[in-house]
Amino acid sequence: MTTAIGLIIIGDEILSGKRADKHLPKVIELLSARGMSLSWARFVGDNRQSITANLRDAFAQPGIVFSCGGIGATPDDHTRQCAAAALGVELELHPEAKLLIESRMRDVAAEQGQVFDPQRPDNVHRYNMGVFPAGASIIQNPYNKIPGFSCIGSGGGQVHFVPGFPVMAWPMIEWVLDHTCAHLHRRGSWLERSVIVMGAMEAALTPLMEQVERDFAVKVFSLPSVDHPEYGRHIELGVKGAADAVGEAFAGLLAGLHQSGAVLGPEMVRS
């Protein structure tokens, strides 16, 4: 069994089209480089009830979830509050986050030739960016030190919260993948093999797909296309799973296709 990995992308600006999402393809890329894959993704607007419901679902079941966006301290940032509500805990200023935020403020003051004043109203407000659900742990932010945070729900769900800005979010996600999730890496152990089946219909191939999944410990997939510039109507039919199981399963798939008289095109391998 593989660990389910999910992605929640938060922000009205994505749903309204003011900004185009870049997180989904990047997270898929980061996971793929480590032999991992994304199980699901959701887009959620800046609505506390909706955010809380989605986070409650994420905490309730085993798996890894990355949540991008809404962890700032402006009125339209709700993710920290919703995470606490979903977990049923209070918000509190994380002591390590406080130090990191203060270090960032000192850096900015020095860059501007000013004396750092922790009591200045805007600086006091900035500490809110380190107010996390009780029990949260820190995600390092190499861009500007302002941390993200991770929480674990009673159902075993691990949710890692990062900002919406790609320049911060992506290295933070990589940090989590390489520190917290290193044991899930499957470089070289996960394989996908497929073949182009010309002019095929999925309904006709379904019995063979079901048979392969019964006979082998792999997952079968089909990607139909009706207007490909080179292959025309076709289906990319394949198997994916542990490398030692894929070879035999793919041979069984090909045998079934040849037996049915299917016209086959190129084969593909992805790892």
C-alpha atoms as a PDB file:
ATOM      1  CA  MET A   1       0.000   0.000   0.000  1.00  0.00           C
ATOM      2  CA  THR A   2       1.220   3.501  -0.838  1.00  0.00           C
ATOM      3  CA  THR A   3       0.593   6.581   1.281  1.00  0.00           C
ATOM      4  CA  ALA A   4      -2.067   8.871  -0.172  1.00  0.00           C
ATOM      5  CA  ILE A   5      -0.757  12.357  -0.889  1.00  0.00           C
ATOM      6  CA  GLY A   6      -3.143  15.266  -1.323  1.00  0.00           C
ATOM      7  CA  LEU A   7      -2.948  18.948  -2.197  1.00  0.00           C
ATOM      8  CA  ILE A   8      -5.258  21.758  -1.069  1.00  0.00           C
ATOM      9  CA  ILE A   9      -4.864  25.100  -2.854  1.00  0.00           C
ATOM     10  CA  ILE A  10      -6.585  27.985  -1.083  1.00  0.00           C
ATOM     11  CA  GLY A  11      -7.519  31.399  -2.446  1.00  0.00           C
ATOM     12  CA  ASP A  12     -10.318  33.288  -4.159  1.00  0.00           C
ATOM     13  CA  GLU A  13      -7.769  34.657  -6.632  1.00  0.00           C
ATOM     14  CA  ILE A  14      -7.322  31.180  -8.131  1.00  0.00           C
ATOM     15  CA  LEU A  15     -11.036  30.453  -8.441  1.00  0.00           C
ATOM     16  CA  SER A  16     -11.766  33.891  -9.902  1.00  0.00           C
ATOM     17  CA  GLY A  17      -9.008  33.602 -12.486  1.00  0.00           C
ATOM     18  CA  LYS A  18      -7.058  36.623 -11.208  1.00  0.00           C
ATOM     19  CA  ARG A  19      -4.100  34.296 -10.792  1.00  0.00           C
ATOM     20  CA  ALA A  20      -3.344  31.011 -12.534  1.00  0.00           C
ATOM     21  CA  ASP A  21      -2.473  28.117 -10.265  1.00  0.00           C
ATOM     22  CA  LYS A  22       1.124  26.931 -10.502  1.00  0.00           C
ATOM     23  CA  HIS A  23       1.195  24.672  -7.458  1.00  0.00           C
ATOM     24  CA  LEU A  24      -0.496  21.599  -8.930  1.00  0.00           C
ATOM     25  CA  PRO A  25       2.008  20.913 -11.751  1.00  0.00           C
ATOM     26  CA  LYS A  26       4.967  21.808  -9.500  1.00  0.00           C
ATOM     27  CA  VAL A  27       3.898  19.494  -6.682  1.00  0.00           C
ATOM     28  CA  ILE A  28       3.407  16.680  -9.205  1.00  0.00           C
ATOM     29  CA  GLU A  29       6.949  17.382 -10.467  1.00  0.00           C
ATOM     30  CA  LEU A  30       8.452  17.419  -6.952  1.00  0.00           C
ATOM     31  CA  LEU A  31       6.731  14.167  -6.054  1.00  0.00           C
ATOM     32  CA  SER A  32       7.655  12.463  -9.315  1.00  0.00           C
ATOM     33  CA  ALA A  33      11.337  13.284  -8.769  1.00  0.00           C
ATOM     34  CA  ARG A  34      11.129  11.233  -5.589  1.00  0.00           C
ATOM     35  CA  GLY A  35       9.174   8.326  -7.046  1.00  0.00           C
ATOM     36  CA  MET A  36       5.944   9.541  -5.446  1.00  0.00           C
ATOM     37  CA  SER A  37       2.596  10.571  -6.906  1.00  0.00           C
ATOM     38  CA  LEU A  38      -0.325  12.833  -6.070  1.00  0.00           C
ATOM     39  CA  SER A  39      -3.563  11.085  -5.065  1.00  0.00           C
ATOM     40  CA  TRP A  40      -5.924  14.061  -5.109  1.00  0.00           C
ATOM     41  CA  ALA A  41      -6.129  17.861  -5.252  1.00  0.00           C
ATOM     42  CA  ARG A  42      -8.760  20.418  -4.240  1.00  0.00           C
ATOM     43  CA  PHE A  43      -9.210  24.136  -4.871  1.00  0.00           C
ATOM     44  CA  VAL A  44     -10.896  26.054  -2.052  1.00  0.00           C
ATOM     45  CA  GLY A  45     -11.909  29.705  -1.829  1.00  0.00           C
ATOM     46  CA  ASP A  46     -11.316  32.042   1.107  1.00  0.00           C
ATOM     47  CA  ASN A  47     -14.318  30.754   3.028  1.00  0.00           C
ATOM     48  CA  ARG A  48     -13.733  29.612   6.604  1.00  0.00           C
ATOM     49  CA  GLN A  49     -16.468  26.992   6.619  1.00  0.00           C
ATOM     50  CA  SER A  50     -15.218  25.381   3.421  1.00  0.00           C
ATOM     51  CA  ILE A  51     -11.550  25.513   4.435  1.00  0.00           C
ATOM     52  CA  THR A  52     -12.328  23.998   7.839  1.00  0.00           C
ATOM     53  CA  ALA A  53     -14.389  21.186   6.307  1.00  0.00           C
ATOM     54  CA  ASN A  54     -11.633  20.263   3.857  1.00  0.00           C
ATOM     55  CA  LEU A  55      -8.970  20.329   6.564  1.00  0.00           C
ATOM     56  CA  ARG A  56     -11.135  18.252   8.878  1.00  0.00           C
ATOM     57  CA  ASP A  57     -11.354  15.620   6.134  1.00  0.00           C
ATOM     58  CA  ALA A  58      -7.578  15.747   5.643  1.00  0.00           C
ATOM     59  CA  PHE A  59      -6.868  15.266   9.351  1.00  0.00           C
ATOM     60  CA  ALA A  60      -9.393  12.447   9.673  1.00  0.00           C
ATOM     61  CA  GLN A  61      -7.638   9.901   7.457  1.00  0.00           C
ATOM     62  CA  PRO A  62      -4.034   8.667   7.179  1.00  0.00           C
ATOM     63  CA  GLY A  63      -2.014  10.405   4.509  1.00  0.00           C
ATOM     64  CA  ILE A  64       0.111  13.417   3.651  1.00  0.00           C
ATOM     65  CA  VAL A  65      -1.517  16.694   2.572  1.00  0.00           C
ATOM     66  CA  PHE A  66       0.072  19.947   1.487  1.00  0.00           C
ATOM     67  CA  SER A  67      -2.007  23.098   1.954  1.00  0.00           C
ATOM     68  CA  CYS A  68      -0.928  26.173  -0.016  1.00  0.00           C
ATOM     69  CA  GLY A  69      -2.152  29.651   0.836  1.00  0.00           C
ATOM     70  CA  GLY A  70      -3.918  31.687   3.485  1.00  0.00           C
ATOM     71  CA  ILE A  71      -1.394  31.453   6.347  1.00  0.00           C
ATOM     72  CA  GLY A  72      -0.621  35.167   6.463  1.00  0.00           C
ATOM     73  CA  ALA A  73      -2.072  37.670   8.922  1.00  0.00           C
ATOM     74  CA  THR A  74      -4.392  39.777   6.750  1.00  0.00           C
ATOM     75  CA  PRO A  75      -8.198  39.684   7.021  1.00  0.00           C
ATOM     76  CA  ASP A  76      -8.550  37.343   4.029  1.00  0.00           C
ATOM     77  CA  ASP A  77      -6.108  34.782   5.476  1.00  0.00           C
ATOM     78  CA  HIS A  78      -8.073  32.113   7.326  1.00  0.00           C
ATOM     79  CA  THR A  79      -6.039  28.924   7.083  1.00  0.00           C
ATOM     80  CA  ARG A  80      -4.384  29.046  10.522  1.00  0.00           C
ATOM     81  CA  GLN A  81      -7.711  29.638  12.242  1.00  0.00           C
ATOM     82  CA  CYS A  82      -9.428  26.937  10.190  1.00  0.00           C
ATOM     83  CA  ALA A  83      -6.695  24.417  10.961  1.00  0.00           C
ATOM     84  CA  ALA A  84      -7.173  25.007  14.686  1.00  0.00           C
ATOM     85  CA  ALA A  85     -10.949  24.669  14.333  1.00  0.00           C
ATOM     86  CA  ALA A  86     -10.578  21.441  12.338  1.00  0.00           C
ATOM     87  CA  LEU A  87      -8.306  19.994  15.042  1.00  0.00           C
ATOM     88  CA  GLY A  88     -10.390  21.299  17.932  1.00  0.00           C
ATOM     89  CA  VAL A  89      -7.445  23.101  19.547  1.00  0.00           C
ATOM     90  CA  GLU A  90      -6.535  26.677  20.412  1.00  0.00           C
ATOM     91  CA  LEU A  91      -4.215  28.984  18.513  1.00  0.00           C
ATOM     92  CA  GLU A  92      -0.986  30.021  20.196  1.00  0.00           C
ATOM     93  CA  LEU A  93       2.212  31.864  19.320  1.00  0.00           C
ATOM     94  CA  HIS A  94       4.763  29.175  18.531  1.00  0.00           C
ATOM     95  CA  PRO A  95       7.998  30.028  20.388  1.00  0.00           C
ATOM     96  CA  GLU A  96      10.311  29.026  17.524  1.00  0.00           C
ATOM     97  CA  ALA A  97       8.136  30.885  15.016  1.00  0.00           C
ATOM     98  CA  LYS A  98       8.313  33.974  17.224  1.00  0.00           C
ATOM     99  CA  LEU A  99      12.116  33.896  17.138  1.00  0.00           C
ATOM    100  CA  LEU A 100      12.207  33.363  13.365  1.00  0.00           C
ATOM    101  CA  ILE A 101       9.786  36.229  12.725  1.00  0.00           C
ATOM    102  CA  GLU A 102      11.726  38.498  15.043  1.00  0.00           C
ATOM    103  CA  SER A 103      14.962  37.566  13.263  1.00  0.00           C
ATOM    104  CA  ARG A 104      13.361  38.496   9.953  1.00  0.00           C
ATOM    105  CA  MET A 105      12.173  41.830  11.331  1.00  0.00           C
ATOM    106  CA  ARG A 106      15.664  42.597  12.635  1.00  0.00           C
ATOM    107  CA  ASP A 107      17.097  41.819   9.191  1.00  0.00           C
ATOM    108  CA  VAL A 108      14.623  44.153   7.489  1.00  0.00           C
ATOM    109  CA  ALA A 109      15.308  46.953   9.976  1.00  0.00           C
ATOM    110  CA  ALA A 110      19.045  46.586   9.418  1.00  0.00           C
ATOM    111  CA  GLU A 111      18.589  46.656   5.639  1.00  0.00           C
ATOM    112  CA  GLN A 112      16.619  49.886   5.989  1.00  0.00           C
ATOM    113  CA  GLY A 113      19.140  51.450   8.367  1.00  0.00           C
ATOM    114  CA  GLN A 114      16.633  51.496  11.233  1.00  0.00           C
ATOM    115  CA  VAL A 115      16.697  50.364  14.861  1.00  0.00           C
ATOM    116  CA  PHE A 116      14.452  47.371  15.406  1.00  0.00           C
ATOM    117  CA  ASP A 117      11.472  48.232  17.629  1.00  0.00           C
ATOM    118  CA  PRO A 118       9.484  45.132  18.640  1.00  0.00           C
ATOM    119  CA  GLN A 119       6.733  47.320  20.102  1.00  0.00           C
ATOM    120  CA  ARG A 120       6.010  49.180  16.872  1.00  0.00           C
ATOM    121  CA  PRO A 121       2.388  48.329  15.918  1.00  0.00           C
ATOM    122  CA  ASP A 122       3.222  46.788  12.541  1.00  0.00           C
ATOM    123  CA  ASN A 123       5.928  44.622  14.117  1.00  0.00           C
ATOM    124  CA  VAL A 124       3.569  43.467  16.863  1.00  0.00           C
ATOM    125  CA  HIS A 125       1.086  42.475  14.156  1.00  0.00           C
ATOM    126  CA  ARG A 126       3.703  40.450  12.302  1.00  0.00           C
ATOM    127  CA  TYR A 127       3.990  38.050  15.223  1.00  0.00           C
ATOM    128  CA  ASN A 128       0.502  36.847  14.256  1.00  0.00           C
ATOM    129  CA  MET A 129       2.135  34.976  11.380  1.00  0.00           C
ATOM    130  CA  GLY A 130       3.570  32.625  14.009  1.00  0.00           C
ATOM    131  CA  VAL A 131       0.254  31.945  15.734  1.00  0.00           C
ATOM    132  CA  PHE A 132      -0.421  28.273  14.928  1.00  0.00           C
ATOM    133  CA  PRO A 133      -2.676  25.514  16.254  1.00  0.00           C
ATOM    134  CA  ALA A 134      -1.412  24.155  19.567  1.00  0.00           C
ATOM    135  CA  GLY A 135       1.025  21.293  19.011  1.00  0.00           C
ATOM    136  CA  ALA A 136       2.100  22.410  15.530  1.00  0.00           C
ATOM    137  CA  SER A 137       5.669  21.935  14.341  1.00  0.00           C
ATOM    138  CA  ILE A 138       7.680  24.339  12.183  1.00  0.00           C
ATOM    139  CA  ILE A 139       8.375  24.201   8.438  1.00  0.00           C
ATOM    140  CA  GLN A 140      11.530  26.131   7.597  1.00  0.00           C
ATOM    141  CA  ASN A 141      11.237  28.942   5.038  1.00  0.00           C
ATOM    142  CA  PRO A 142      14.591  29.584   3.322  1.00  0.00           C
ATOM    143  CA  TYR A 143      13.231  32.602   1.440  1.00  0.00           C
ATOM    144  CA  ASN A 144      12.423  35.008   4.284  1.00  0.00           C
ATOM    145  CA  LYS A 145      12.445  32.909   7.502  1.00  0.00           C
ATOM    146  CA  ILE A 146       8.667  33.286   8.094  1.00  0.00           C
ATOM    147  CA  PRO A 147       7.774  29.641   8.835  1.00  0.00           C
ATOM    148  CA  GLY A 148       4.976  27.383   7.794  1.00  0.00           C
ATOM    149  CA  PHE A 149       3.652  24.689  10.092  1.00  0.00           C
ATOM    150  CA  SER A 150       2.621  21.041  10.232  1.00  0.00           C
ATOM    151  CA  CYS A 151      -0.136  19.355  12.237  1.00  0.00           C
ATOM    152  CA  ILE A 152      -1.280  15.761  12.711  1.00  0.00           C
ATOM    153  CA  GLY A 153      -4.938  14.889  13.203  1.00  0.00           C
ATOM    154  CA  SER A 154      -6.425  12.180  15.385  1.00  0.00           C
ATOM    155  CA  GLY A 155      -7.094  10.109  12.266  1.00  0.00           C
ATOM    156  CA  GLY A 156      -3.426  10.150  11.288  1.00  0.00           C
ATOM    157  CA  GLY A 157      -3.636  12.793   8.582  1.00  0.00           C
ATOM    158  CA  GLN A 158      -0.518  14.961   8.357  1.00  0.00           C
ATOM    159  CA  VAL A 159      -1.155  18.411   6.887  1.00  0.00           C
ATOM    160  CA  HIS A 160       1.726  20.698   5.993  1.00  0.00           C
ATOM    161  CA  PHE A 161       0.832  24.385   5.624  1.00  0.00           C
ATOM    162  CA  VAL A 162       2.867  26.683   3.371  1.00  0.00           C
ATOM    163  CA  PRO A 163       2.267  30.151   1.873  1.00  0.00           C
ATOM    164  CA  GLY A 164       0.600  30.699  -1.475  1.00  0.00           C
ATOM    165  CA  PHE A 165       3.691  32.347  -2.980  1.00  0.00           C
ATOM    166  CA  PRO A 166       5.527  29.745  -5.123  1.00  0.00           C
ATOM    167  CA  VAL A 167       8.950  31.245  -4.329  1.00  0.00           C
ATOM    168  CA  MET A 168       8.348  30.309  -0.688  1.00  0.00           C
ATOM    169  CA  ALA A 169       5.979  27.360  -0.968  1.00  0.00           C
ATOM    170  CA  TRP A 170       7.996  25.139  -3.294  1.00  0.00           C
ATOM    171  CA  PRO A 171      11.275  24.994  -1.325  1.00  0.00           C
ATOM    172  CA  MET A 172       9.224  24.505   1.845  1.00  0.00           C
ATOM    173  CA  ILE A 173       7.386  21.561   0.280  1.00  0.00           C
ATOM    174  CA  GLU A 174      10.734  20.134  -0.825  1.00  0.00           C
ATOM    175  CA  TRP A 175      12.020  20.495   2.734  1.00  0.00           C
ATOM    176  CA  VAL A 176       9.054  18.498   4.051  1.00  0.00           C
ATOM    177  CA  LEU A 177       9.454  15.830   1.375  1.00  0.00           C
ATOM    178  CA  ASP A 178      13.162  15.386   2.114  1.00  0.00           C
ATOM    179  CA  HIS A 179      12.960  15.544   5.911  1.00  0.00           C
ATOM    180  CA  THR A 180       9.532  14.430   7.086  1.00  0.00           C
ATOM    181  CA  CYS A 181       8.654  12.186   4.150  1.00  0.00           C
ATOM    182  CA  ALA A 182      12.043  10.773   3.146  1.00  0.00           C
ATOM    183  CA  HIS A 183      10.919   7.251   4.088  1.00  0.00           C
ATOM    184  CA  LEU A 184       8.232   7.438   1.379  1.00  0.00           C
ATOM    185  CA  HIS A 185      10.645   8.071  -1.489  1.00  0.00           C
ATOM    186  CA  ARG A 186      10.524   5.352  -4.143  1.00  0.00           C
ATOM    187  CA  ARG A 187      13.152   6.378  -6.661  1.00  0.00           C
ATOM    188  CA  GLY A 188      13.778   3.449  -8.983  1.00  0.00           C
ATOM    189  CA  SER A 189      11.189   1.225  -7.300  1.00  0.00           C
ATOM    190  CA  TRP A 190       8.070   2.605  -9.011  1.00  0.00           C
ATOM    191  CA  LEU A 191       7.469   2.005 -12.701  1.00  0.00           C
ATOM    192  CA  GLU A 192       4.849   2.731 -15.332  1.00  0.00           C
ATOM    193  CA  ARG A 193       4.667   0.989 -18.718  1.00  0.00           C
ATOM    194  CA  SER A 194       2.090   1.646 -21.401  1.00  0.00           C
ATOM    195  CA  VAL A 195       1.309   1.128 -25.078  1.00  0.00           C
ATOM    196  CA  ILE A 196      -0.725   3.030 -27.660  1.00  0.00           C
ATOM    197  CA  VAL A 197      -3.752   1.004 -28.794  1.00  0.00           C
ATOM    198  CA  MET A 198      -4.981   2.366 -32.131  1.00  0.00           C
ATOM    199  CA  GLY A 199      -8.674   3.015 -32.717  1.00  0.00           C
ATOM    200  CA  ALA A 200      -9.651   1.328 -29.469  1.00  0.00           C
ATOM    201  CA  MET A 201     -12.739   1.800 -27.307  1.00  0.00           C
ATOM    202  CA  GLU A 202     -12.426   1.613 -23.508  1.00  0.00           C
ATOM    203  CA  ALA A 203     -15.498  -0.583 -23.125  1.00  0.00           C
ATOM    204  CA  ALA A 204     -13.905  -3.281 -25.280  1.00  0.00           C
ATOM    205  CA  LEU A 205     -10.672  -3.173 -23.242  1.00  0.00           C
ATOM    206  CA  THR A 206     -12.288  -3.154 -19.794  1.00  0.00           C
ATOM    207  CA  PRO A 207     -12.428  -6.982 -19.347  1.00  0.00           C
ATOM    208  CA  LEU A 208      -8.707  -7.242 -20.082  1.00  0.00           C
ATOM    209  CA  MET A 209      -7.923  -4.379 -17.683  1.00  0.00           C
ATOM    210  CA  GLU A 210      -9.917  -6.041 -14.921  1.00  0.00           C
ATOM    211  CA  GLN A 211      -8.195  -9.371 -15.572  1.00  0.00           C
ATOM    212  CA  VAL A 212      -4.713  -7.835 -15.324  1.00  0.00           C
ATOM    213  CA  GLU A 213      -5.578  -6.190 -11.996  1.00  0.00           C
ATOM    214  CA  ARG A 214      -6.879  -9.534 -10.685  1.00  0.00           C
ATOM    215  CA  ASP A 215      -3.749 -11.406 -11.768  1.00  0.00           C
ATOM    216  CA  PHE A 216      -1.053  -8.898 -10.794  1.00  0.00           C
ATOM    217  CA  ALA A 217      -0.360  -6.477  -7.945  1.00  0.00           C
ATOM    218  CA  VAL A 218      -0.485  -3.387 -10.182  1.00  0.00           C
ATOM    219  CA  LYS A 219      -2.870  -0.628 -11.157  1.00  0.00           C
ATOM    220  CA  VAL A 220      -4.138  -0.487 -14.745  1.00  0.00           C
ATOM    221  CA  PHE A 221      -4.844   2.864 -16.411  1.00  0.00           C
ATOM    222  CA  SER A 222      -6.278   4.032 -19.724  1.00  0.00           C
ATOM    223  CA  LEU A 223      -5.976   7.486 -21.298  1.00  0.00           C
ATOM    224  CA  PRO A 224      -8.275   7.849 -24.326  1.00  0.00           C
ATOM    225  CA  SER A 225      -7.794  10.452 -27.054  1.00  0.00           C
ATOM    226  CA  VAL A 226     -10.029  11.222 -30.023  1.00  0.00           C
ATOM    227  CA  ASP A 227      -8.020  13.788 -32.001  1.00  0.00           C
ATOM    228  CA  HIS A 228      -4.305  13.143 -31.518  1.00  0.00           C
ATOM    229  CA  PRO A 229      -2.352  14.711 -34.441  1.00  0.00           C
ATOM    230  CA  GLU A 230      -0.304  11.541 -34.999  1.00  0.00           C
ATOM    231  CA  TYR A 231      -2.307   8.601 -33.632  1.00  0.00           C
ATOM    232  CA  GLY A 232      -5.866   9.862 -34.135  1.00  0.00           C
ATOM    233  CA  ARG A 233      -8.411   8.011 -31.989  1.00  0.00           C
ATOM    234  CA  HIS A 234      -6.461   5.820 -29.582  1.00  0.00           C
ATOM    235  CA  ILE A 235      -5.996   4.755 -25.975  1.00  0.00           C
ATOM    236  CA  GLU A 236      -2.772   4.776 -24.010  1.00  0.00           C
ATOM    237  CA  LEU A 237      -3.179   1.598 -21.990  1.00  0.00           C
ATOM    238  CA  GLY A 238      -0.751   0.682 -19.245  1.00  0.00           C
ATOM    239  CA  VAL A 239       0.128  -0.606 -15.808  1.00  0.00           C
ATOM    240  CA  LYS A 240       1.911   1.063 -12.893  1.00  0.00           C
ATOM    241  CA  GLY A 241       3.230  -0.130  -9.580  1.00  0.00           C
ATOM    242  CA  ALA A 242       6.289  -1.681  -7.983  1.00  0.00           C
ATOM    243  CA  ALA A 243       8.992  -2.185 -10.601  1.00  0.00           C
ATOM    244  CA  ASP A 244       9.313  -5.914  -9.955  1.00  0.00           C
ATOM    245  CA  ALA A 245       5.593  -6.456 -10.635  1.00  0.00           C
ATOM    246  CA  VAL A 246       5.137  -4.165 -13.632  1.00  0.00           C
ATOM    247  CA  GLY A 247       7.211  -6.171 -16.135  1.00  0.00           C
ATOM    248  CA  GLU A 248       5.208  -9.356 -15.782  1.00  0.00           C
ATOM    249  CA  ALA A 249       1.905  -7.483 -15.661  1.00  0.00           C
ATOM    250  CA  PHE A 250       2.727  -5.521 -18.817  1.00  0.00           C
ATOM    251  CA  ALA A 251       3.651  -8.738 -20.617  1.00  0.00           C
ATOM    252  CA  GLY A 252       0.244 -10.118 -19.641  1.00  0.00           C
ATOM    253  CA  LEU A 253      -1.438  -6.952 -20.889  1.00  0.00           C
ATOM    254  CA  LEU A 254       0.346  -7.163 -24.245  1.00  0.00           C
ATOM    255  CA  ALA A 255      -0.535 -10.842 -24.601  1.00  0.00           C
ATOM    256  CA  GLY A 256      -4.200 -10.018 -24.093  1.00  0.00           C
ATOM    257  CA  LEU A 257      -4.065  -7.203 -26.628  1.00  0.00           C
ATOM    258  CA  HIS A 258      -2.383  -9.388 -29.260  1.00  0.00           C
ATOM    259  CA  GLN A 259      -4.951 -12.129 -28.658  1.00  0.00           C
ATOM    260  CA  SER A 260      -7.771  -9.646 -29.287  1.00  0.00           C
ATOM    261  CA  GLY A 261      -6.198  -8.482 -32.551  1.00  0.00           C
ATOM    262  CA  ALA A 262      -5.524  -4.938 -31.315  1.00  0.00           C
ATOM    263  CA  VAL A 263      -3.356  -2.658 -33.456  1.00  0.00           C
ATOM    264  CA  LEU A 264      -0.536  -1.394 -31.262  1.00  0.00           C
ATOM    265  CA  GLY A 265       1.643   1.676 -31.527  1.00  0.00           C
ATOM    266  CA  PRO A 266       4.668   2.821 -29.501  1.00  0.00           C
ATOM    267  CA  GLU A 267       5.403   1.640 -25.976  1.00  0.00           C
ATOM    268  CA  MET A 268       6.368   4.023 -23.160  1.00  0.00           C
ATOM    269  CA  VAL A 269       8.200   3.632 -19.862  1.00  0.00           C
ATOM    270  CA  ARG A 270       8.119   6.131 -16.992  1.00  0.00           C
ATOM    271  CA  SER A 271       9.759   5.816 -13.609  1.00  0.00           C
END
